[in-house]
Amino acid sequence: MYQVPVTLRCLESCEAFFRDKSQFYTLMLSHPNVLAGAPLKEMDVYFYGTECYNRLSLHDRQEVYQRAQVELRSRARRDFLVRDDYLKEKSIV
């Protein structure tokens, strides 16, 4: 019987780990109910059934969630500024 080398199994495990983190990040950014500034405890209800969420530890979920929150806040700020500029243009006309 041929055994898979430990390093290959470790590599596959690491790839799966980073793939899960990436999928969870993408899922959070694309989910319409995830809001900027909302705590993970309120948002994790939407992710319970997903494999990428279930395979990550609480620490890893929080790390990815914080990274996604930075992006969501940035998007919200950018959207606000665009709307604010639009309203100023409309009031001038």
Protein backbone atom coordinates (compact mmCIF):
# COMPACT_ATOMS: atom_id res chain seq x y z
CA MET A 1 0.00 0.00 0.00
CA TYR A 2 1.30 3.44 -0.93
CA GLN A 3 1.15 6.14 1.74
CA VAL A 4 0.85 9.78 0.85
CA PRO A 5 3.84 11.68 2.25
CA VAL A 6 3.12 13.83 5.26
CA THR A 7 4.27 16.97 3.48
CA LEU A 8 1.80 16.40 0.64
CA ARG A 9 -1.07 15.92 3.10
CA CYS A 10 0.01 19.06 4.95
CA LEU A 11 0.12 20.98 1.69
CA GLU A 12 -3.36 19.80 0.74
CA SER A 13 -4.62 20.74 4.19
CA CYS A 14 -3.08 24.21 3.94
CA GLU A 15 -4.59 24.73 0.49
CA ALA A 16 -8.02 23.72 1.78
CA PHE A 17 -7.64 26.07 4.75
CA PHE A 18 -6.80 29.09 2.58
CA ARG A 19 -9.49 28.15 0.07
CA ASP A 20 -12.06 28.09 2.90
CA LYS A 21 -10.89 31.49 4.14
CA SER A 22 -11.10 32.92 0.64
CA GLN A 23 -14.57 31.46 0.03
CA PHE A 24 -15.82 32.77 3.37
CA TYR A 25 -14.47 36.24 2.57
CA THR A 26 -16.12 36.24 -0.86
CA LEU A 27 -19.37 34.96 0.60
CA MET A 28 -19.47 37.75 3.18
CA LEU A 29 -18.84 40.45 0.61
CA SER A 30 -21.53 39.13 -1.70
CA HIS A 31 -24.20 38.39 0.91
CA PRO A 32 -26.86 41.15 0.97
CA ASN A 33 -27.52 40.86 4.72
CA VAL A 34 -23.94 41.39 5.87
CA LEU A 35 -23.67 45.02 6.89
CA ALA A 36 -20.69 47.22 7.66
CA GLY A 37 -20.26 47.51 11.41
CA ALA A 38 -22.48 44.57 12.33
CA PRO A 39 -20.93 42.07 14.77
CA LEU A 40 -20.11 38.55 13.62
CA LYS A 41 -22.50 37.09 16.21
CA GLU A 42 -25.43 38.69 14.37
CA MET A 43 -24.22 37.73 10.91
CA ASP A 44 -23.07 34.15 11.44
CA VAL A 45 -26.67 32.92 11.23
CA TYR A 46 -26.43 33.38 7.47
CA PHE A 47 -23.35 31.15 7.18
CA TYR A 48 -24.06 28.16 9.46
CA GLY A 49 -24.77 25.75 6.63
CA THR A 50 -21.78 26.60 4.46
CA GLU A 51 -18.80 24.28 4.45
CA CYS A 52 -16.23 27.06 4.36
CA TYR A 53 -17.72 28.57 7.54
CA ASN A 54 -18.01 25.27 9.39
CA ARG A 55 -14.42 24.21 8.69
CA LEU A 56 -12.87 27.43 10.02
CA SER A 57 -12.12 27.98 13.69
CA LEU A 58 -13.77 30.84 15.54
CA HIS A 59 -10.48 32.76 15.49
CA ASP A 60 -10.13 32.34 11.72
CA ARG A 61 -13.76 33.36 11.16
CA GLN A 62 -13.22 36.52 13.17
CA GLU A 63 -10.02 37.32 11.31
CA VAL A 64 -11.70 36.96 7.91
CA TYR A 65 -14.76 38.84 9.15
CA GLN A 66 -12.63 41.80 10.29
CA ARG A 67 -10.94 41.89 6.89
CA ALA A 68 -14.33 41.86 5.15
CA GLN A 69 -15.61 44.60 7.45
CA VAL A 70 -12.75 46.87 6.33
CA GLU A 71 -13.84 46.33 2.72
CA LEU A 72 -17.53 46.83 3.52
CA ARG A 73 -16.82 50.09 5.36
CA SER A 74 -14.72 51.28 2.46
CA ARG A 75 -17.54 50.50 0.02
CA ALA A 76 -20.10 52.24 2.25
CA ARG A 77 -17.90 55.33 2.53
CA ARG A 78 -17.33 55.42 -1.23
CA ASP A 79 -21.06 54.97 -1.94
CA PHE A 80 -21.91 57.74 0.50
CA LEU A 81 -19.46 60.15 -1.13
CA VAL A 82 -20.78 59.35 -4.60
CA ARG A 83 -24.37 59.94 -3.47
CA ASP A 84 -23.36 63.12 -1.67
CA ASP A 85 -21.68 64.46 -4.81
CA TYR A 86 -24.75 63.51 -6.85
CA LEU A 87 -27.06 65.35 -4.46
CA LYS A 88 -24.86 68.44 -4.60
CA GLU A 89 -24.95 68.39 -8.39
CA LYS A 90 -28.73 68.05 -8.41
CA SER A 91 -29.14 70.96 -5.98
CA ILE A 92 -27.00 73.22 -8.17
CA VAL A 93 -29.09 72.51 -11.27
